[in-house]
């Protein structure tokens, strides 16, 4: 697999969610530790980071955090740092802002979901994100995939990708949009400026970036699996087994 450059040595790994749609598997186990094809979801993502050469993973925790911390203690690379949300689940935007305000995130940084399963294209997908990143024009660069390569996904799509790479949302009168955000992005500190306190969705910050024409997307060259429910595991394992 070909290599590439990295725009940061750090990735934030979102691992604090409750995983309610994965019940009953998450009754006694956090969703990132659910296994797919013999690997935990968390390790599948950390494998991508390690393969790309990411040195440091800032992992936020809330639900059954001791299990995630114990699991990370058994892994050397990337080096993991905990962003603790035990007292209050901060959602995606609030989680990023807390880690940023604590000085844990350089500018820019990668942010990935811990329950994200994809197959790379010709090279590690993080290099595709890095190659497309332009700090002068972008507040965030999102990884998106065409709906036809989003397996087990039942949604109607999230974004349109304009000719220059800018993203616009599916409109209120549109039945669908061709691209789905798949839980990986490059984020600048500029995106996080003037962020609200407490729990909030990253959508709040994305909407401002869209208005300012600073939200961009890069199209994933491989395949993606929506690991939303227990029923999605077997089809993903079958496709992963087939390469």
Protein backbone atom coordinates (compact mmCIF):
# COMPACT_ATOMS: atom_id res chain seq x y z
CA UNK A 1 0.00 0.00 0.00
CA UNK A 2 1.42 3.38 -0.98
CA UNK A 3 2.34 5.90 1.69
CA UNK A 4 1.78 9.62 2.02
CA UNK A 5 2.21 12.60 4.28
CA UNK A 6 0.46 13.32 7.56
CA UNK A 7 -0.79 16.74 8.65
CA UNK A 8 -0.72 15.80 12.35
CA UNK A 9 0.76 13.19 14.66
CA UNK A 10 -2.42 13.13 16.79
CA UNK A 11 -5.92 11.76 16.33
CA UNK A 12 -8.85 12.16 18.66
CA UNK A 13 -10.76 8.89 18.91
CA UNK A 14 -14.41 9.24 19.89
CA UNK A 15 -15.17 6.38 22.29
CA UNK A 16 -17.54 7.89 24.86
CA UNK A 17 -20.95 7.07 23.39
CA UNK A 18 -23.57 4.87 25.04
CA UNK A 19 -24.05 2.57 22.05
CA UNK A 20 -27.77 2.17 22.67
CA UNK A 21 -28.54 0.90 19.16
CA UNK A 22 -26.08 -1.95 19.77
CA UNK A 23 -28.07 -3.35 22.70
CA UNK A 24 -28.03 -6.01 24.05
CA UNK A 25 -24.32 -6.28 23.13
CA UNK A 26 -23.57 -3.02 24.93
CA UNK A 27 -25.43 -3.84 28.13
CA UNK A 28 -22.15 -4.74 29.85
CA UNK A 29 -19.56 -3.62 27.32
CA UNK A 30 -18.86 -0.27 25.62
CA UNK A 31 -19.50 -0.29 21.89
CA UNK A 32 -15.82 0.29 20.95
CA UNK A 33 -15.00 -3.11 22.49
CA UNK A 34 -17.56 -5.03 20.41
CA UNK A 35 -15.69 -7.47 18.16
CA UNK A 36 -15.93 -7.64 14.37
CA UNK A 37 -13.90 -10.28 12.53
CA UNK A 38 -11.95 -11.09 15.70
CA UNK A 39 -10.91 -7.49 16.43
CA UNK A 40 -12.57 -4.89 18.60
CA UNK A 41 -14.01 -1.89 16.80
CA UNK A 42 -11.56 0.26 18.73
CA UNK A 43 -8.58 -1.80 17.59
CA UNK A 44 -9.72 -1.76 13.98
CA UNK A 45 -9.58 2.02 14.08
CA UNK A 46 -6.32 2.16 16.04
CA UNK A 47 -4.85 -0.22 13.44
CA UNK A 48 -5.56 2.40 10.75
CA UNK A 49 -3.89 5.06 12.89
CA UNK A 50 -0.85 2.91 13.62
CA UNK A 51 -0.48 1.91 9.98
CA UNK A 52 -0.47 5.57 8.94
CA UNK A 53 2.14 6.46 11.55
CA UNK A 54 -0.10 8.41 13.95
CA UNK A 55 1.89 8.57 17.19
CA UNK A 56 -0.81 9.67 19.64
CA UNK A 57 -4.49 8.90 20.16
CA UNK A 58 -6.59 11.08 22.47
CA UNK A 59 -9.46 8.78 23.47
CA UNK A 60 -12.52 10.20 25.22
CA UNK A 61 -14.41 7.93 27.62
CA UNK A 62 -17.73 8.02 29.46
CA UNK A 63 -19.65 4.72 29.40
CA UNK A 64 -17.86 1.86 31.22
CA UNK A 65 -14.60 3.80 30.92
CA UNK A 66 -12.51 1.38 32.97
CA UNK A 67 -12.97 -1.30 30.31
CA UNK A 68 -11.66 0.99 27.56
CA UNK A 69 -8.74 2.17 29.70
CA UNK A 70 -7.77 -1.42 30.53
CA UNK A 71 -7.95 -2.38 26.88
CA UNK A 72 -5.77 0.54 25.81
CA UNK A 73 -3.19 -0.36 28.45
CA UNK A 74 -2.48 -3.51 26.48
CA UNK A 75 -1.62 -1.64 23.31
CA UNK A 76 1.65 0.19 22.71
CA UNK A 77 0.92 2.07 19.48
CA UNK A 78 -0.39 4.63 19.05
CA UNK A 79 0.27 6.02 22.51
CA UNK A 80 -3.12 6.69 24.13
CA UNK A 81 -4.15 9.66 26.25
CA UNK A 82 -7.54 9.70 28.00
CA UNK A 83 -9.94 12.64 27.81
CA UNK A 84 -12.24 11.91 30.74
CA UNK A 85 -15.97 12.53 30.36
CA UNK A 86 -17.09 10.29 33.22
CA UNK A 87 -19.08 13.04 34.88
CA UNK A 88 -20.88 14.28 31.77
CA UNK A 89 -21.20 12.90 28.25
CA UNK A 90 -20.32 15.87 26.04
CA UNK A 91 -21.39 14.57 22.60
CA UNK A 92 -19.11 14.93 19.60
CA UNK A 93 -18.60 18.69 19.59
CA UNK A 94 -18.33 19.06 23.34
CA UNK A 95 -15.89 16.16 23.52
CA UNK A 96 -13.56 17.74 20.98
CA UNK A 97 -13.73 21.11 22.68
CA UNK A 98 -12.91 19.67 26.11
CA UNK A 99 -9.82 17.89 24.78
CA UNK A 100 -8.79 21.03 22.87
CA UNK A 101 -9.18 23.30 25.89
CA UNK A 102 -7.12 20.83 27.92
CA UNK A 103 -4.25 21.28 25.45
CA UNK A 104 -4.42 17.72 24.14
CA UNK A 105 -5.04 18.50 20.47
CA UNK A 106 -2.53 20.17 18.11
CA UNK A 107 -3.57 22.30 15.14
CA UNK A 108 -4.76 20.56 13.04
CA UNK A 109 -5.70 17.11 14.32
CA UNK A 110 -7.51 14.06 13.02
CA UNK A 111 -10.80 13.06 14.63
CA UNK A 112 -12.19 9.56 14.08
CA UNK A 113 -15.06 7.54 15.47
CA UNK A 114 -14.01 4.44 17.37
CA UNK A 115 -16.84 2.36 15.88
CA UNK A 116 -15.84 3.13 12.31
CA UNK A 117 -15.11 0.16 10.01
CA UNK A 118 -13.74 0.75 6.56
CA UNK A 119 -11.60 -0.92 3.93
CA UNK A 120 -8.89 1.35 2.56
CA UNK A 121 -8.51 2.09 -1.11
CA UNK A 122 -5.05 2.03 -2.75
CA UNK A 123 -3.50 3.52 0.40
CA UNK A 124 -4.36 4.33 4.00
CA UNK A 125 -7.33 6.69 3.93
CA UNK A 126 -5.69 9.08 6.40
CA UNK A 127 -3.19 9.95 3.69
CA UNK A 128 -6.05 10.88 1.35
CA UNK A 129 -7.36 13.24 4.01
CA UNK A 130 -3.90 14.69 4.55
CA UNK A 131 -3.22 15.25 0.85
CA UNK A 132 -6.50 17.15 0.42
CA UNK A 133 -6.06 19.32 3.54
CA UNK A 134 -5.57 23.05 2.97
CA UNK A 135 -5.45 25.07 6.18
CA UNK A 136 -5.86 28.36 4.31
CA UNK A 137 -9.26 27.37 2.93
CA UNK A 138 -10.62 24.80 5.39
CA UNK A 139 -11.88 24.65 8.95
CA UNK A 140 -12.62 20.94 8.64
CA UNK A 141 -12.20 18.26 5.98
CA UNK A 142 -14.65 15.37 6.25
CA UNK A 143 -14.29 11.85 4.88
CA UNK A 144 -17.40 10.94 2.90
CA UNK A 145 -18.40 7.89 0.92
CA UNK A 146 -20.90 7.40 -1.93
CA UNK A 147 -24.08 5.70 -0.77
CA UNK A 148 -23.40 2.68 -2.99
CA UNK A 149 -20.23 1.93 -1.00
CA UNK A 150 -21.88 2.42 2.40
CA UNK A 151 -22.87 -1.08 3.46
CA UNK A 152 -25.67 -1.68 5.97
CA UNK A 153 -26.47 2.03 5.94
CA UNK A 154 -30.16 2.93 5.87
CA UNK A 155 -29.90 6.71 5.84
CA UNK A 156 -30.70 9.11 3.02
CA UNK A 157 -27.25 10.67 2.73
CA UNK A 158 -25.73 13.72 4.39
CA UNK A 159 -23.94 15.92 1.86
CA UNK A 160 -23.37 17.02 -1.69
CA UNK A 161 -19.75 17.56 -2.74
CA UNK A 162 -19.29 20.58 -4.96
CA UNK A 163 -16.75 20.67 -7.79
CA UNK A 164 -14.21 22.47 -5.58
CA UNK A 165 -14.67 19.98 -2.72
CA UNK A 166 -16.92 22.16 -0.56
CA UNK A 167 -19.77 20.40 1.20
CA UNK A 168 -23.41 21.38 1.33
CA UNK A 169 -26.08 19.56 3.28
CA UNK A 170 -29.02 17.63 1.92
CA UNK A 171 -31.74 20.19 1.57
CA UNK A 172 -35.10 20.00 3.38
CA UNK A 173 -36.87 19.33 0.07
CA UNK A 174 -34.43 16.66 -1.11
CA UNK A 175 -35.19 12.97 -0.67
CA UNK A 176 -31.51 12.03 -0.62
CA UNK A 177 -27.92 13.20 -0.93
CA UNK A 178 -25.17 11.18 -2.63
CA UNK A 179 -22.54 11.21 0.14
CA UNK A 180 -22.42 10.04 3.75
CA UNK A 181 -20.03 11.27 6.43
CA UNK A 182 -18.20 8.23 7.78
CA UNK A 183 -16.64 9.40 11.00
CA UNK A 184 -13.20 10.70 10.08
CA UNK A 185 -12.05 14.26 9.56
CA UNK A 186 -9.20 16.74 9.83
CA UNK A 187 -10.11 19.59 12.19
CA UNK A 188 -8.48 22.98 12.68
CA UNK A 189 -8.60 24.96 15.90
CA UNK A 190 -10.46 27.61 13.93
CA UNK A 191 -13.50 25.29 13.74
CA UNK A 192 -13.61 25.14 17.55
CA UNK A 193 -13.44 28.87 18.20
CA UNK A 194 -16.27 30.40 20.26
CA UNK A 195 -17.71 26.93 20.84
CA UNK A 196 -20.51 26.55 23.38
CA UNK A 197 -19.89 24.99 26.78
CA UNK A 198 -21.24 21.57 27.70
CA UNK A 199 -22.68 18.89 25.43
CA UNK A 200 -23.32 19.72 21.78
CA UNK A 201 -23.03 18.14 18.34
CA UNK A 202 -20.22 18.91 15.90
CA UNK A 203 -23.03 19.77 13.48
CA UNK A 204 -23.22 23.17 15.20
CA UNK A 205 -19.65 23.93 14.14
CA UNK A 206 -20.03 22.37 10.70
CA UNK A 207 -23.07 24.53 9.95
CA UNK A 208 -21.06 27.67 10.68
CA UNK A 209 -18.22 26.39 8.49
CA UNK A 210 -20.69 25.72 5.65
CA UNK A 211 -22.00 29.29 5.95
CA UNK A 212 -18.42 30.55 5.81
CA UNK A 213 -17.66 28.15 2.91
CA UNK A 214 -14.91 26.43 4.87
CA UNK A 215 -16.30 22.89 5.21
CA UNK A 216 -14.85 20.49 2.64
CA UNK A 217 -15.00 16.79 1.90
CA UNK A 218 -12.80 14.11 0.41
CA UNK A 219 -14.32 10.96 -1.06
CA UNK A 220 -13.24 7.67 0.50
CA UNK A 221 -11.65 5.41 -2.11
CA UNK A 222 -12.68 2.15 -0.43
CA UNK A 223 -15.73 0.75 1.33
CA UNK A 224 -17.44 1.59 4.61
CA UNK A 225 -19.65 -0.40 6.97
CA UNK A 226 -22.31 1.18 9.16
CA UNK A 227 -21.90 -0.64 12.47
CA UNK A 228 -25.10 0.67 13.99
CA UNK A 229 -26.83 -2.49 15.18
CA UNK A 230 -25.94 -6.09 16.08
CA UNK A 231 -27.43 -7.18 12.75
CA UNK A 232 -24.75 -5.23 10.87
CA UNK A 233 -21.87 -7.30 12.25
CA UNK A 234 -22.26 -10.52 10.24
CA UNK A 235 -22.50 -8.80 6.81
CA UNK A 236 -19.44 -6.70 7.63
CA UNK A 237 -17.48 -9.77 8.71
CA UNK A 238 -18.41 -11.58 5.50
CA UNK A 239 -17.23 -8.70 3.34
CA UNK A 240 -14.06 -8.18 5.35
CA UNK A 241 -13.28 -11.89 4.98
CA UNK A 242 -13.58 -11.48 1.23
CA UNK A 243 -11.04 -8.66 1.22
